[in-house]
Protein backbone atom coordinates (compact mmCIF):
# COMPACT_ATOMS: atom_id res chain seq x y z
CA UNK A 1 -26.88 -50.15 -94.67
CA UNK A 2 -26.36 -46.72 -93.12
CA UNK A 3 -27.76 -45.20 -89.93
CA UNK A 4 -28.32 -41.53 -90.79
CA UNK A 5 -30.49 -40.40 -87.87
CA UNK A 6 -29.85 -41.98 -84.49
CA UNK A 7 -30.33 -40.29 -81.11
CA UNK A 8 -28.49 -42.82 -78.98
CA UNK A 9 -25.18 -43.88 -80.58
CA UNK A 10 -24.61 -46.46 -77.83
CA UNK A 11 -27.36 -48.51 -79.53
CA UNK A 12 -24.74 -49.47 -82.15
CA UNK A 13 -22.44 -50.90 -79.46
CA UNK A 14 -19.34 -49.05 -80.78
CA UNK A 15 -19.90 -50.38 -84.30
CA UNK A 16 -19.71 -48.25 -87.43
CA UNK A 17 -22.74 -46.30 -88.67
CA UNK A 18 -22.64 -47.94 -92.11
CA UNK A 19 -21.76 -51.33 -93.57
CA UNK A 20 -21.62 -52.94 -97.00
CA UNK A 21 -21.92 -56.73 -97.05
CA UNK A 22 -22.23 -58.93 -100.14
CA UNK A 23 -23.01 -62.59 -99.67
CA UNK A 24 -23.15 -65.81 -101.60
CA UNK A 25 -25.23 -68.78 -100.62
CA UNK A 26 -26.53 -72.20 -101.46
CA UNK A 27 -29.85 -73.69 -100.39
CA UNK A 28 -31.45 -77.11 -100.42
CA UNK A 29 -35.24 -77.30 -100.45
CA UNK A 30 -38.03 -79.86 -100.35
CA UNK A 31 -41.54 -78.58 -101.06
CA UNK A 32 -44.72 -80.67 -101.31
CA UNK A 33 -47.18 -77.86 -100.44
CA UNK A 34 -50.31 -77.91 -102.57
CA UNK A 35 -50.53 -74.09 -102.94
CA UNK A 36 -47.76 -71.84 -101.58
CA UNK A 37 -49.76 -68.70 -100.57
CA UNK A 38 -52.34 -70.79 -98.66
CA UNK A 39 -51.26 -74.42 -98.15
CA UNK A 40 -53.78 -77.03 -97.00
CA UNK A 41 -51.35 -79.93 -96.91
CA UNK A 42 -47.70 -80.70 -97.50
CA UNK A 43 -44.22 -80.11 -96.14
CA UNK A 44 -41.67 -77.37 -96.77
CA UNK A 45 -38.04 -77.81 -95.69
CA UNK A 46 -35.24 -75.38 -96.48
CA UNK A 47 -31.61 -75.24 -95.39
CA UNK A 48 -29.49 -72.33 -96.63
CA UNK A 49 -25.83 -71.59 -95.97
CA UNK A 50 -24.58 -68.09 -96.76
CA UNK A 51 -21.11 -66.60 -96.67
CA UNK A 52 -20.13 -62.93 -96.71
CA UNK A 53 -16.44 -63.01 -97.79
CA UNK A 54 -14.12 -60.43 -96.27
CA UNK A 55 -13.11 -59.34 -99.78
CA UNK A 56 -16.74 -58.42 -100.62
CA UNK A 57 -17.61 -56.46 -97.49
CA UNK A 58 -16.27 -53.81 -95.15
CA UNK A 59 -16.96 -55.84 -91.98
CA UNK A 60 -13.22 -56.67 -91.68
CA UNK A 61 -13.82 -60.44 -91.59
CA UNK A 62 -15.69 -63.24 -93.31
CA UNK A 63 -19.20 -63.79 -91.93
CA UNK A 64 -21.48 -66.84 -92.08
CA UNK A 65 -25.25 -67.36 -91.79
CA UNK A 66 -27.23 -70.62 -91.55
CA UNK A 67 -31.00 -70.59 -92.07
CA UNK A 68 -33.39 -73.47 -91.37
CA UNK A 69 -37.14 -73.52 -92.08
CA UNK A 70 -39.42 -76.52 -91.46
CA UNK A 71 -43.17 -76.17 -92.13
CA UNK A 72 -45.92 -78.80 -91.99
CA UNK A 73 -49.54 -78.49 -93.14
CA UNK A 74 -52.24 -81.08 -92.47
CA UNK A 75 -56.00 -81.16 -93.02
CA UNK A 76 -57.56 -82.29 -89.73
CA UNK A 77 -61.32 -82.00 -90.43
CA UNK A 78 -63.71 -80.30 -92.83
CA UNK A 79 -62.33 -76.83 -93.51
CA UNK A 80 -59.67 -77.14 -90.80
CA UNK A 81 -55.91 -77.06 -91.37
CA UNK A 82 -53.18 -77.43 -88.77
CA UNK A 83 -49.98 -75.57 -89.70
CA UNK A 84 -46.63 -75.81 -87.91
CA UNK A 85 -43.60 -73.57 -88.49
CA UNK A 86 -40.05 -73.93 -87.13
CA UNK A 87 -37.48 -71.26 -87.99
CA UNK A 88 -33.88 -70.55 -87.03
CA UNK A 89 -31.19 -68.25 -88.35
CA UNK A 90 -27.66 -68.42 -86.91
CA UNK A 91 -24.96 -65.85 -87.69
CA UNK A 92 -21.29 -65.47 -86.94
CA UNK A 93 -20.61 -64.20 -83.43
CA UNK A 94 -20.71 -60.42 -83.03
CA UNK A 95 -22.19 -59.83 -86.47
CA UNK A 96 -22.49 -56.15 -87.50
CA UNK A 97 -25.81 -54.60 -86.52
CA UNK A 98 -27.37 -54.66 -90.04
CA UNK A 99 -26.96 -58.46 -90.16
CA UNK A 100 -28.51 -59.15 -86.76
CA UNK A 101 -31.86 -60.84 -86.28
CA UNK A 102 -35.08 -59.05 -85.32
CA UNK A 103 -37.81 -60.83 -83.38
CA UNK A 104 -41.35 -59.96 -84.50
CA UNK A 105 -43.12 -58.80 -87.61
CA UNK A 106 -46.01 -60.07 -89.73
CA UNK A 107 -44.94 -63.71 -90.19
CA UNK A 108 -43.33 -64.95 -87.01
CA UNK A 109 -43.86 -63.75 -83.44
CA UNK A 110 -46.86 -61.64 -84.43
CA UNK A 111 -47.66 -59.15 -81.68
CA UNK A 112 -44.05 -57.94 -81.38
CA UNK A 113 -42.93 -55.13 -83.66
CA UNK A 114 -39.84 -56.01 -85.69
CA UNK A 115 -36.76 -54.71 -83.94
CA UNK A 116 -38.01 -54.72 -80.35
CA UNK A 117 -35.61 -57.61 -79.65
CA UNK A 118 -32.39 -57.86 -81.68
CA UNK A 119 -29.38 -60.17 -81.41
CA UNK A 120 -27.04 -62.35 -83.48
CA UNK A 121 -29.34 -65.36 -83.77
CA UNK A 122 -33.03 -66.21 -83.73
CA UNK A 123 -35.16 -69.30 -83.17
CA UNK A 124 -38.95 -69.55 -83.18
CA UNK A 125 -41.79 -72.05 -83.44
CA UNK A 126 -45.52 -71.64 -83.96
CA UNK A 127 -48.58 -73.80 -84.43
CA UNK A 128 -51.72 -72.45 -86.07
CA UNK A 129 -55.25 -73.74 -86.59
CA UNK A 130 -56.92 -72.34 -89.72
CA UNK A 131 -60.65 -72.84 -90.08
CA UNK A 132 -62.99 -72.00 -92.97
CA UNK A 133 -66.21 -70.52 -91.60
CA UNK A 134 -68.69 -69.52 -94.29
CA UNK A 135 -68.50 -68.39 -97.93
CA UNK A 136 -65.26 -66.38 -98.24
CA UNK A 137 -64.56 -66.04 -94.51
CA UNK A 138 -62.31 -67.99 -92.19
CA UNK A 139 -60.48 -67.57 -88.90
CA UNK A 140 -57.30 -68.69 -87.22
CA UNK A 141 -55.79 -69.08 -83.78
CA UNK A 142 -52.11 -69.63 -83.08
CA UNK A 143 -49.57 -69.97 -80.32
CA UNK A 144 -45.80 -70.13 -80.33
CA UNK A 145 -42.61 -68.80 -78.93
CA UNK A 146 -39.23 -67.48 -79.93
CA UNK A 147 -36.08 -65.74 -78.79
CA UNK A 148 -32.96 -64.00 -79.99
CA UNK A 149 -29.58 -64.81 -78.47
CA UNK A 150 -25.90 -63.85 -78.93
CA UNK A 151 -24.37 -67.35 -79.30
CA UNK A 152 -25.57 -70.95 -79.30
CA UNK A 153 -23.88 -71.41 -75.92
CA UNK A 154 -25.95 -68.54 -74.51
CA UNK A 155 -29.33 -69.82 -75.73
CA UNK A 156 -31.64 -70.11 -72.71
CA UNK A 157 -35.10 -71.70 -72.67
CA UNK A 158 -36.16 -69.23 -69.95
CA UNK A 159 -35.68 -66.37 -72.44
CA UNK A 160 -38.27 -67.72 -74.91
CA UNK A 161 -41.04 -65.16 -75.37
CA UNK A 162 -44.67 -66.18 -75.98
CA UNK A 163 -46.75 -65.32 -79.04
CA UNK A 164 -50.42 -66.14 -79.48
CA UNK A 165 -53.42 -64.61 -81.16
CA UNK A 166 -56.48 -64.74 -83.36
CA UNK A 167 -57.16 -63.73 -86.92
CA UNK A 168 -59.85 -63.24 -89.53
CA UNK A 169 -59.48 -64.31 -93.16
CA UNK A 170 -61.27 -63.07 -96.28
CA UNK A 171 -60.69 -64.92 -99.56
CA UNK A 172 -60.50 -62.04 -102.02
CA UNK A 173 -59.58 -64.34 -104.90
CA UNK A 174 -59.53 -68.13 -105.20
CA UNK A 175 -57.38 -69.62 -102.44
CA UNK A 176 -55.66 -66.28 -101.63
CA UNK A 177 -56.59 -64.61 -98.35
CA UNK A 178 -56.40 -61.12 -96.99
CA UNK A 179 -55.76 -61.39 -93.27
CA UNK A 180 -56.07 -59.34 -90.15
CA UNK A 181 -54.42 -60.81 -87.07
CA UNK A 182 -54.12 -59.59 -83.53
CA UNK A 183 -51.07 -60.98 -81.78
CA UNK A 184 -50.32 -61.01 -78.07
CA UNK A 185 -46.86 -61.16 -76.56
CA UNK A 186 -45.11 -60.39 -73.31
CA UNK A 187 -46.43 -56.95 -72.32
CA UNK A 188 -47.22 -56.16 -75.95
CA UNK A 189 -49.75 -56.72 -78.70
CA UNK A 190 -50.68 -55.47 -82.11
CA UNK A 191 -52.57 -55.85 -85.37
CA UNK A 192 -51.12 -57.30 -88.57
CA UNK A 193 -52.72 -56.69 -91.99
CA UNK A 194 -51.37 -58.69 -94.92
CA UNK A 195 -52.06 -60.77 -98.02
CA UNK A 196 -51.52 -64.56 -97.89
CA UNK A 197 -50.93 -66.62 -94.79
CA UNK A 198 -48.13 -65.88 -92.34
CA UNK A 199 -46.32 -69.08 -93.38
């Protein structure tokens, strides 16, 4: 990764403008979802451990990353699905800027643009109600929260930011939705257009 155009060099916190990092990893998964792009029931669990050896990068040390995803999907009434998502990614302390975590985007913490909040580690949770309405149309509402933080010792509940919103679904082919969501956050908001569900 290379920063070629940057107005404020202090943003990099005295780090280099470019880094090369090659990693190896191993993951363990359990997946009982009935249909991955639009699950109606099931569980997805994933734990991944990655290592970026010093010999394969120019970060001047070996770096580590641990990723945890836990998702649950449950039918609760006719056409209604409750979906829950827990996500965390923990990196070595003072990771180089290209390996840091960004809060926001089109999957988690919708309503925040990716990169508004950046730090070493991230944790988020969201719960979403998905409801079929009529023919090919459906809707969703969700709420959740998340934060980025430098170290596990510096994680603070008071720094968790809110995320909530509403969305419209159109099934453009069997069981695959196009979605438009509007997410709200702390002094922010925004639309998300995408194919398939957020998680």
